Amino acid sequence: MDASTKRLLKDTIAPVLAFYKRLFELAPETRRQMGYSVQVDHYANAGSALIWMFQQGLGKRFTPAMEEAWFVTYAFMSGEMERGQFENAI
């Protein structure tokens, strides 16, 4: 991850609580599942809630570059989580 992406992520991390609120609105079953066994199909809802959080929290300050940085970062993170779940299931 380059320095520019890191800076964009750091500059937009503040509204994390709104992210969790929106995630649980979209998929209430993840509240309990987080501590037990998150399912792969929950990742799309989490990604949607994450982008929504930044759009709502930052408005026009959430630039296309920031959105791209988060999209790429979340795609990587969710891919790694899926891979980990798959490997643990074997």
PDB file of N, CA and C in Angstrom:
ATOM      1  N   MET A   1       0.856  -1.172   0.000  1.00  0.00           N
ATOM      2  CA  MET A   1       0.000   0.000   0.000  1.00  0.00           C
ATOM      3  C   MET A   1       0.901   1.233   0.000  1.00  0.00           C
ATOM      4  N   ASP A   2       0.635   2.137  -0.924  1.00  0.00           N
ATOM      5  CA  ASP A   2       1.488   3.322  -1.020  1.00  0.00           C
ATOM      6  C   ASP A   2       1.090   4.390   0.005  1.00  0.00           C
ATOM      7  N   ALA A   3       1.953   5.385   0.171  1.00  0.00           N
ATOM      8  CA  ALA A   3       1.752   6.430   1.180  1.00  0.00           C
ATOM      9  C   ALA A   3       0.475   7.234   0.929  1.00  0.00           C
ATOM     10  N   SER A   4       0.148   7.478  -0.335  1.00  0.00           N
ATOM     11  CA  SER A   4      -1.058   8.236  -0.664  1.00  0.00           C
ATOM     12  C   SER A   4      -2.313   7.485  -0.219  1.00  0.00           C
ATOM     13  N   THR A   5      -2.362   6.184  -0.475  1.00  0.00           N
ATOM     14  CA  THR A   5      -3.503   5.378  -0.055  1.00  0.00           C
ATOM     15  C   THR A   5      -3.606   5.351   1.462  1.00  0.00           C
ATOM     16  N   LYS A   6      -2.489   5.181   2.142  1.00  0.00           N
ATOM     17  CA  LYS A   6      -2.495   5.179   3.606  1.00  0.00           C
ATOM     18  C   LYS A   6      -3.036   6.486   4.154  1.00  0.00           C
ATOM     19  N   ARG A   7      -2.630   7.607   3.544  1.00  0.00           N
ATOM     20  CA  ARG A   7      -3.093   8.917   4.005  1.00  0.00           C
ATOM     21  C   ARG A   7      -4.606   9.061   3.798  1.00  0.00           C
ATOM     22  N   LEU A   8      -5.092   8.618   2.636  1.00  0.00           N
ATOM     23  CA  LEU A   8      -6.530   8.695   2.363  1.00  0.00           C
ATOM     24  C   LEU A   8      -7.325   7.853   3.350  1.00  0.00           C
ATOM     25  N   LEU A   9      -6.822   6.670   3.669  1.00  0.00           N
ATOM     26  CA  LEU A   9      -7.509   5.813   4.628  1.00  0.00           C
ATOM     27  C   LEU A   9      -7.516   6.443   6.012  1.00  0.00           C
ATOM     28  N   LYS A  10      -6.361   6.978   6.427  1.00  0.00           N
ATOM     29  CA  LYS A  10      -6.260   7.613   7.747  1.00  0.00           C
ATOM     30  C   LYS A  10      -7.191   8.820   7.849  1.00  0.00           C
ATOM     31  N   ASP A  11      -7.292   9.578   6.771  1.00  0.00           N
ATOM     32  CA  ASP A  11      -8.127  10.779   6.770  1.00  0.00           C
ATOM     33  C   ASP A  11      -9.619  10.482   6.821  1.00  0.00           C
ATOM     34  N   THR A  12     -10.005   9.239   6.545  1.00  0.00           N
ATOM     35  CA  THR A  12     -11.435   8.922   6.471  1.00  0.00           C
ATOM     36  C   THR A  12     -11.883   7.881   7.487  1.00  0.00           C
ATOM     37  N   ILE A  13     -11.067   7.525   8.438  1.00  0.00           N
ATOM     38  CA  ILE A  13     -11.389   6.436   9.350  1.00  0.00           C
ATOM     39  C   ILE A  13     -12.317   6.854  10.505  1.00  0.00           C
ATOM     40  N   ALA A  14     -12.461   8.133  10.766  1.00  0.00           N
ATOM     41  CA  ALA A  14     -13.199   8.613  11.940  1.00  0.00           C
ATOM     42  C   ALA A  14     -14.634   8.096  12.086  1.00  0.00           C
ATOM     43  N   PRO A  15     -15.440   8.003  11.035  1.00  0.00           N
ATOM     44  CA  PRO A  15     -16.842   7.609  11.234  1.00  0.00           C
ATOM     45  C   PRO A  15     -17.104   6.097  11.340  1.00  0.00           C
ATOM     46  N   VAL A  16     -16.205   5.367  11.964  1.00  0.00           N
ATOM     47  CA  VAL A  16     -16.339   3.912  12.042  1.00  0.00           C
ATOM     48  C   VAL A  16     -17.602   3.472  12.780  1.00  0.00           C
ATOM     49  N   LEU A  17     -18.008   4.197  13.795  1.00  0.00           N
ATOM     50  CA  LEU A  17     -19.212   3.799  14.528  1.00  0.00           C
ATOM     51  C   LEU A  17     -20.452   3.812  13.641  1.00  0.00           C
ATOM     52  N   ALA A  18     -20.537   4.772  12.736  1.00  0.00           N
ATOM     53  CA  ALA A  18     -21.668   4.815  11.809  1.00  0.00           C
ATOM     54  C   ALA A  18     -21.644   3.600  10.878  1.00  0.00           C
ATOM     55  N   PHE A  19     -20.456   3.159  10.529  1.00  0.00           N
ATOM     56  CA  PHE A  19     -20.317   1.962   9.705  1.00  0.00           C
ATOM     57  C   PHE A  19     -20.974   0.758  10.386  1.00  0.00           C
ATOM     58  N   TYR A  20     -20.625   0.544  11.651  1.00  0.00           N
ATOM     59  CA  TYR A  20     -21.196  -0.598  12.347  1.00  0.00           C
ATOM     60  C   TYR A  20     -22.709  -0.469  12.496  1.00  0.00           C
ATOM     61  N   LYS A  21     -23.192   0.731  12.759  1.00  0.00           N
ATOM     62  CA  LYS A  21     -24.632   0.937  12.863  1.00  0.00           C
ATOM     63  C   LYS A  21     -25.319   0.555  11.562  1.00  0.00           C
ATOM     64  N   ARG A  22     -24.769   1.017  10.442  1.00  0.00           N
ATOM     65  CA  ARG A  22     -25.369   0.718   9.135  1.00  0.00           C
ATOM     66  C   ARG A  22     -25.256  -0.772   8.812  1.00  0.00           C
ATOM     67  N   LEU A  23     -24.134  -1.381   9.126  1.00  0.00           N
ATOM     68  CA  LEU A  23     -23.970  -2.810   8.886  1.00  0.00           C
ATOM     69  C   LEU A  23     -25.056  -3.602   9.606  1.00  0.00           C
ATOM     70  N   PHE A  24     -25.301  -3.255  10.863  1.00  0.00           N
ATOM     71  CA  PHE A  24     -26.295  -3.992  11.622  1.00  0.00           C
ATOM     72  C   PHE A  24     -27.719  -3.685  11.158  1.00  0.00           C
ATOM     73  N   GLU A  25     -27.932  -2.523  10.535  1.00  0.00           N
ATOM     74  CA  GLU A  25     -29.229  -2.248   9.917  1.00  0.00           C
ATOM     75  C   GLU A  25     -29.430  -3.134   8.686  1.00  0.00           C
ATOM     76  N   LEU A  26     -28.369  -3.280   7.889  1.00  0.00           N
ATOM     77  CA  LEU A  26     -28.447  -4.084   6.677  1.00  0.00           C
ATOM     78  C   LEU A  26     -28.513  -5.577   6.970  1.00  0.00           C
ATOM     79  N   ALA A  27     -27.784  -6.008   7.971  1.00  0.00           N
ATOM     80  CA  ALA A  27     -27.682  -7.440   8.271  1.00  0.00           C
ATOM     81  C   ALA A  27     -27.620  -7.639   9.780  1.00  0.00           C
ATOM     82  N   PRO A  28     -28.769  -7.554  10.467  1.00  0.00           N
ATOM     83  CA  PRO A  28     -28.778  -7.669  11.926  1.00  0.00           C
ATOM     84  C   PRO A  28     -28.172  -8.972  12.443  1.00  0.00           C
ATOM     85  N   GLU A  29     -28.219 -10.011  11.627  1.00  0.00           N
ATOM     86  CA  GLU A  29     -27.672 -11.292  12.062  1.00  0.00           C
ATOM     87  C   GLU A  29     -26.154 -11.247  12.267  1.00  0.00           C
ATOM     88  N   THR A  30     -25.472 -10.245  11.705  1.00  0.00           N
ATOM     89  CA  THR A  30     -24.020 -10.155  11.880  1.00  0.00           C
ATOM     90  C   THR A  30     -23.658  -9.662  13.291  1.00  0.00           C
ATOM     91  N   ARG A  31     -24.564  -9.064  14.014  1.00  0.00           N
ATOM     92  CA  ARG A  31     -24.191  -8.590  15.340  1.00  0.00           C
ATOM     93  C   ARG A  31     -23.702  -9.729  16.189  1.00  0.00           C
ATOM     94  N   ARG A  32     -24.511 -10.855  16.209  1.00  0.00           N
ATOM     95  CA  ARG A  32     -24.147 -12.027  16.986  1.00  0.00           C
ATOM     96  C   ARG A  32     -23.089 -12.858  16.265  1.00  0.00           C
ATOM     97  N   GLN A  33     -23.147 -12.899  14.918  1.00  0.00           N
ATOM     98  CA  GLN A  33     -22.224 -13.721  14.145  1.00  0.00           C
ATOM     99  C   GLN A  33     -20.781 -13.241  14.228  1.00  0.00           C
ATOM    100  N   MET A  34     -20.579 -11.945  14.450  1.00  0.00           N
ATOM    101  CA  MET A  34     -19.212 -11.422  14.492  1.00  0.00           C
ATOM    102  C   MET A  34     -18.351 -12.180  15.493  1.00  0.00           C
ATOM    103  N   GLY A  35     -18.927 -12.525  16.624  1.00  0.00           N
ATOM    104  CA  GLY A  35     -18.154 -13.214  17.644  1.00  0.00           C
ATOM    105  C   GLY A  35     -18.078 -14.715  17.439  1.00  0.00           C
ATOM    106  N   TYR A  36     -18.839 -15.223  16.493  1.00  0.00           N
ATOM    107  CA  TYR A  36     -18.890 -16.674  16.319  1.00  0.00           C
ATOM    108  C   TYR A  36     -18.350 -17.091  14.957  1.00  0.00           C
ATOM    109  N   SER A  37     -19.134 -16.895  13.931  1.00  0.00           N
ATOM    110  CA  SER A  37     -18.681 -17.317  12.601  1.00  0.00           C
ATOM    111  C   SER A  37     -19.318 -16.442  11.527  1.00  0.00           C
ATOM    112  N   VAL A  38     -18.595 -15.442  11.116  1.00  0.00           N
ATOM    113  CA  VAL A  38     -19.068 -14.565  10.055  1.00  0.00           C
ATOM    114  C   VAL A  38     -19.139 -15.375   8.770  1.00  0.00           C
ATOM    115  N   GLN A  39     -20.191 -15.190   8.015  1.00  0.00           N
ATOM    116  CA  GLN A  39     -20.365 -15.909   6.763  1.00  0.00           C
ATOM    117  C   GLN A  39     -19.887 -15.051   5.606  1.00  0.00           C
ATOM    118  N   VAL A  40     -19.406 -15.711   4.564  1.00  0.00           N
ATOM    119  CA  VAL A  40     -18.853 -15.009   3.407  1.00  0.00           C
ATOM    120  C   VAL A  40     -19.849 -14.024   2.812  1.00  0.00           C
ATOM    121  N   ASP A  41     -21.129 -14.359   2.799  1.00  0.00           N
ATOM    122  CA  ASP A  41     -22.105 -13.449   2.203  1.00  0.00           C
ATOM    123  C   ASP A  41     -22.319 -12.173   3.027  1.00  0.00           C
ATOM    124  N   HIS A  42     -21.778 -12.101   4.218  1.00  0.00           N
ATOM    125  CA  HIS A  42     -21.852 -10.877   5.024  1.00  0.00           C
ATOM    126  C   HIS A  42     -20.871  -9.810   4.530  1.00  0.00           C
ATOM    127  N   TYR A  43     -19.832 -10.219   3.826  1.00  0.00           N
ATOM    128  CA  TYR A  43     -18.806  -9.267   3.406  1.00  0.00           C
ATOM    129  C   TYR A  43     -19.337  -8.203   2.462  1.00  0.00           C
ATOM    130  N   ALA A  44     -20.243  -8.560   1.568  1.00  0.00           N
ATOM    131  CA  ALA A  44     -20.808  -7.566   0.646  1.00  0.00           C
ATOM    132  C   ALA A  44     -21.584  -6.503   1.417  1.00  0.00           C
ATOM    133  N   ASN A  45     -22.380  -6.928   2.410  1.00  0.00           N
ATOM    134  CA  ASN A  45     -23.107  -5.959   3.233  1.00  0.00           C
ATOM    135  C   ASN A  45     -22.143  -5.062   3.999  1.00  0.00           C
ATOM    136  N   ALA A  46     -21.086  -5.637   4.515  1.00  0.00           N
ATOM    137  CA  ALA A  46     -20.102  -4.837   5.249  1.00  0.00           C
ATOM    138  C   ALA A  46     -19.445  -3.815   4.324  1.00  0.00           C
ATOM    139  N   GLY A  47     -19.113  -4.216   3.124  1.00  0.00           N
ATOM    140  CA  GLY A  47     -18.516  -3.286   2.156  1.00  0.00           C
ATOM    141  C   GLY A  47     -19.473  -2.165   1.787  1.00  0.00           C
ATOM    142  N   SER A  48     -20.743  -2.510   1.576  1.00  0.00           N
ATOM    143  CA  SER A  48     -21.755  -1.490   1.264  1.00  0.00           C
ATOM    144  C   SER A  48     -21.924  -0.511   2.418  1.00  0.00           C
ATOM    145  N   ALA A  49     -21.951  -1.045   3.643  1.00  0.00           N
ATOM    146  CA  ALA A  49     -22.093  -0.188   4.823  1.00  0.00           C
ATOM    147  C   ALA A  49     -20.879   0.721   4.988  1.00  0.00           C
ATOM    148  N   LEU A  50     -19.714   0.219   4.676  1.00  0.00           N
ATOM    149  CA  LEU A  50     -18.487   1.008   4.794  1.00  0.00           C
ATOM    150  C   LEU A  50     -18.511   2.207   3.853  1.00  0.00           C
ATOM    151  N   ILE A  51     -18.816   1.960   2.578  1.00  0.00           N
ATOM    152  CA  ILE A  51     -18.867   3.064   1.603  1.00  0.00           C
ATOM    153  C   ILE A  51     -19.985   4.033   1.959  1.00  0.00           C
ATOM    154  N   TRP A  52     -21.153   3.520   2.374  1.00  0.00           N
ATOM    155  CA  TRP A  52     -22.264   4.374   2.784  1.00  0.00           C
ATOM    156  C   TRP A  52     -21.855   5.279   3.934  1.00  0.00           C
ATOM    157  N   MET A  53     -21.145   4.704   4.910  1.00  0.00           N
ATOM    158  CA  MET A  53     -20.703   5.463   6.071  1.00  0.00           C
ATOM    159  C   MET A  53     -19.858   6.665   5.645  1.00  0.00           C
ATOM    160  N   PHE A  54     -18.914   6.416   4.740  1.00  0.00           N
ATOM    161  CA  PHE A  54     -18.063   7.510   4.299  1.00  0.00           C
ATOM    162  C   PHE A  54     -18.846   8.539   3.495  1.00  0.00           C
ATOM    163  N   GLN A  55     -19.758   8.087   2.649  1.00  0.00           N
ATOM    164  CA  GLN A  55     -20.579   9.021   1.878  1.00  0.00           C
ATOM    165  C   GLN A  55     -21.421   9.900   2.796  1.00  0.00           C
ATOM    166  N   GLN A  56     -22.045   9.296   3.809  1.00  0.00           N
ATOM    167  CA  GLN A  56     -22.891  10.043   4.738  1.00  0.00           C
ATOM    168  C   GLN A  56     -22.072  10.932   5.667  1.00  0.00           C
ATOM    169  N   GLY A  57     -20.995  10.386   6.172  1.00  0.00           N
ATOM    170  CA  GLY A  57     -20.193  11.106   7.157  1.00  0.00           C
ATOM    171  C   GLY A  57     -19.350  12.221   6.583  1.00  0.00           C
ATOM    172  N   LEU A  58     -18.866  12.017   5.372  1.00  0.00           N
ATOM    173  CA  LEU A  58     -17.957  12.995   4.786  1.00  0.00           C
ATOM    174  C   LEU A  58     -18.575  13.813   3.660  1.00  0.00           C
ATOM    175  N   GLY A  59     -19.681  13.349   3.118  1.00  0.00           N
ATOM    176  CA  GLY A  59     -20.327  14.084   2.034  1.00  0.00           C
ATOM    177  C   GLY A  59     -19.390  14.310   0.871  1.00  0.00           C
ATOM    178  N   LYS A  60     -19.332  15.555   0.410  1.00  0.00           N
ATOM    179  CA  LYS A  60     -18.493  15.892  -0.750  1.00  0.00           C
ATOM    180  C   LYS A  60     -17.001  15.764  -0.467  1.00  0.00           C
ATOM    181  N   ARG A  61     -16.642  15.711   0.824  1.00  0.00           N
ATOM    182  CA  ARG A  61     -15.224  15.517   1.160  1.00  0.00           C
ATOM    183  C   ARG A  61     -14.756  14.094   0.860  1.00  0.00           C
ATOM    184  N   PHE A  62     -15.709  13.160   0.671  1.00  0.00           N
ATOM    185  CA  PHE A  62     -15.366  11.784   0.309  1.00  0.00           C
ATOM    186  C   PHE A  62     -15.160  11.751  -1.200  1.00  0.00           C
ATOM    187  N   THR A  63     -13.929  11.944  -1.583  1.00  0.00           N
ATOM    188  CA  THR A  63     -13.571  12.096  -2.990  1.00  0.00           C
ATOM    189  C   THR A  63     -13.554  10.745  -3.711  1.00  0.00           C
ATOM    190  N   PRO A  64     -13.596  10.784  -5.036  1.00  0.00           N
ATOM    191  CA  PRO A  64     -13.460   9.536  -5.793  1.00  0.00           C
ATOM    192  C   PRO A  64     -12.158   8.795  -5.461  1.00  0.00           C
ATOM    193  N   ALA A  65     -11.078   9.519  -5.200  1.00  0.00           N
ATOM    194  CA  ALA A  65      -9.814   8.870  -4.830  1.00  0.00           C
ATOM    195  C   ALA A  65      -9.937   8.148  -3.491  1.00  0.00           C
ATOM    196  N   MET A  66     -10.627   8.764  -2.535  1.00  0.00           N
ATOM    197  CA  MET A  66     -10.852   8.112  -1.241  1.00  0.00           C
ATOM    198  C   MET A  66     -11.706   6.866  -1.414  1.00  0.00           C
ATOM    199  N   GLU A  67     -12.768   6.992  -2.218  1.00  0.00           N
ATOM    200  CA  GLU A  67     -13.642   5.842  -2.444  1.00  0.00           C
ATOM    201  C   GLU A  67     -12.866   4.691  -3.075  1.00  0.00           C
ATOM    202  N   GLU A  68     -12.042   5.000  -4.045  1.00  0.00           N
ATOM    203  CA  GLU A  68     -11.223   3.972  -4.693  1.00  0.00           C
ATOM    204  C   GLU A  68     -10.255   3.325  -3.704  1.00  0.00           C
ATOM    205  N   ALA A  69      -9.629   4.150  -2.848  1.00  0.00           N
ATOM    206  CA  ALA A  69      -8.702   3.609  -1.840  1.00  0.00           C
ATOM    207  C   ALA A  69      -9.417   2.636  -0.913  1.00  0.00           C
ATOM    208  N   TRP A  70     -10.612   3.000  -0.471  1.00  0.00           N
ATOM    209  CA  TRP A  70     -11.372   2.114   0.410  1.00  0.00           C
ATOM    210  C   TRP A  70     -11.882   0.887  -0.322  1.00  0.00           C
ATOM    211  N   PHE A  71     -12.312   1.061  -1.558  1.00  0.00           N
ATOM    212  CA  PHE A  71     -12.791  -0.073  -2.337  1.00  0.00           C
ATOM    213  C   PHE A  71     -11.682  -1.113  -2.509  1.00  0.00           C
ATOM    214  N   VAL A  72     -10.512  -0.660  -2.898  1.00  0.00           N
ATOM    215  CA  VAL A  72      -9.375  -1.572  -3.094  1.00  0.00           C
ATOM    216  C   VAL A  72      -8.973  -2.219  -1.773  1.00  0.00           C
ATOM    217  N   THR A  73      -8.914  -1.414  -0.719  1.00  0.00           N
ATOM    218  CA  THR A  73      -8.522  -1.945   0.593  1.00  0.00           C
ATOM    219  C   THR A  73      -9.535  -2.956   1.098  1.00  0.00           C
ATOM    220  N   TYR A  74     -10.829  -2.649   0.989  1.00  0.00           N
ATOM    221  CA  TYR A  74     -11.840  -3.573   1.478  1.00  0.00           C
ATOM    222  C   TYR A  74     -11.876  -4.846   0.629  1.00  0.00           C
ATOM    223  N   ALA A  75     -11.697  -4.709  -0.669  1.00  0.00           N
ATOM    224  CA  ALA A  75     -11.660  -5.902  -1.522  1.00  0.00           C
ATOM    225  C   ALA A  75     -10.524  -6.819  -1.095  1.00  0.00           C
ATOM    226  N   PHE A  76      -9.366  -6.237  -0.807  1.00  0.00           N
ATOM    227  CA  PHE A  76      -8.236  -7.039  -0.334  1.00  0.00           C
ATOM    228  C   PHE A  76      -8.558  -7.696   1.006  1.00  0.00           C
ATOM    229  N   MET A  77      -9.065  -6.897   1.956  1.00  0.00           N
ATOM    230  CA  MET A  77      -9.358  -7.421   3.290  1.00  0.00           C
ATOM    231  C   MET A  77     -10.403  -8.535   3.240  1.00  0.00           C
ATOM    232  N   SER A  78     -11.495  -8.311   2.512  1.00  0.00           N
ATOM    233  CA  SER A  78     -12.539  -9.333   2.465  1.00  0.00           C
ATOM    234  C   SER A  78     -12.055 -10.574   1.725  1.00  0.00           C
ATOM    235  N   GLY A  79     -11.221 -10.394   0.713  1.00  0.00           N
ATOM    236  CA  GLY A  79     -10.635 -11.545   0.028  1.00  0.00           C
ATOM    237  C   GLY A  79      -9.774 -12.375   0.961  1.00  0.00           C
ATOM    238  N   GLU A  80      -8.996 -11.707   1.789  1.00  0.00           N
ATOM    239  CA  GLU A  80      -8.164 -12.410   2.764  1.00  0.00           C
ATOM    240  C   GLU A  80      -9.006 -13.117   3.819  1.00  0.00           C
ATOM    241  N   MET A  81     -10.094 -12.471   4.248  1.00  0.00           N
ATOM    242  CA  MET A  81     -10.977 -13.103   5.232  1.00  0.00           C
ATOM    243  C   MET A  81     -11.653 -14.335   4.633  1.00  0.00           C
ATOM    244  N   GLU A  82     -12.083 -14.217   3.377  1.00  0.00           N
ATOM    245  CA  GLU A  82     -12.690 -15.370   2.709  1.00  0.00           C
ATOM    246  C   GLU A  82     -11.686 -16.513   2.576  1.00  0.00           C
ATOM    247  N   ARG A  83     -10.466 -16.173   2.185  1.00  0.00           N
ATOM    248  CA  ARG A  83      -9.422 -17.189   2.043  1.00  0.00           C
ATOM    249  C   ARG A  83      -9.164 -17.864   3.381  1.00  0.00           C
ATOM    250  N   GLY A  84      -9.102 -17.073   4.449  1.00  0.00           N
ATOM    251  CA  GLY A  84      -8.885 -17.626   5.771  1.00  0.00           C
ATOM    252  C   GLY A  84     -10.009 -18.550   6.197  1.00  0.00           C
ATOM    253  N   GLN A  85     -11.244 -18.150   5.901  1.00  0.00           N
ATOM    254  CA  GLN A  85     -12.378 -19.016   6.242  1.00  0.00           C
ATOM    255  C   GLN A  85     -12.314 -20.321   5.478  1.00  0.00           C
ATOM    256  N   PHE A  86     -11.955 -20.234   4.203  1.00  0.00           N
ATOM    257  CA  PHE A  86     -11.870 -21.428   3.378  1.00  0.00           C
ATOM    258  C   PHE A  86     -10.782 -22.368   3.893  1.00  0.00           C
ATOM    259  N   GLU A  87      -9.626 -21.792   4.201  1.00  0.00           N
ATOM    260  CA  GLU A  87      -8.511 -22.605   4.696  1.00  0.00           C
ATOM    261  C   GLU A  87      -8.831 -23.232   6.038  1.00  0.00           C
ATOM    262  N   ASN A  88      -9.533 -22.518   6.904  1.00  0.00           N
ATOM    263  CA  ASN A  88      -9.895 -23.071   8.213  1.00  0.00           C
ATOM    264  C   ASN A  88     -10.964 -24.145   8.120  1.00  0.00           C
ATOM    265  N   ALA A  89     -11.756 -24.097   7.041  1.00  0.00           N
ATOM    266  CA  ALA A  89     -12.820 -25.084   6.882  1.00  0.00           C
ATOM    267  C   ALA A  89     -12.294 -26.419   6.354  1.00  0.00           C
ATOM    268  N   ILE A  90     -11.111 -26.397   5.779  1.00  0.00           N
ATOM    269  CA  ILE A  90     -10.546 -27.632   5.204  1.00  0.00           C
ATOM    270  C   ILE A  90      -9.968 -28.511   6.278  1.00  0.00           C
TER     271      ILE A  90
END
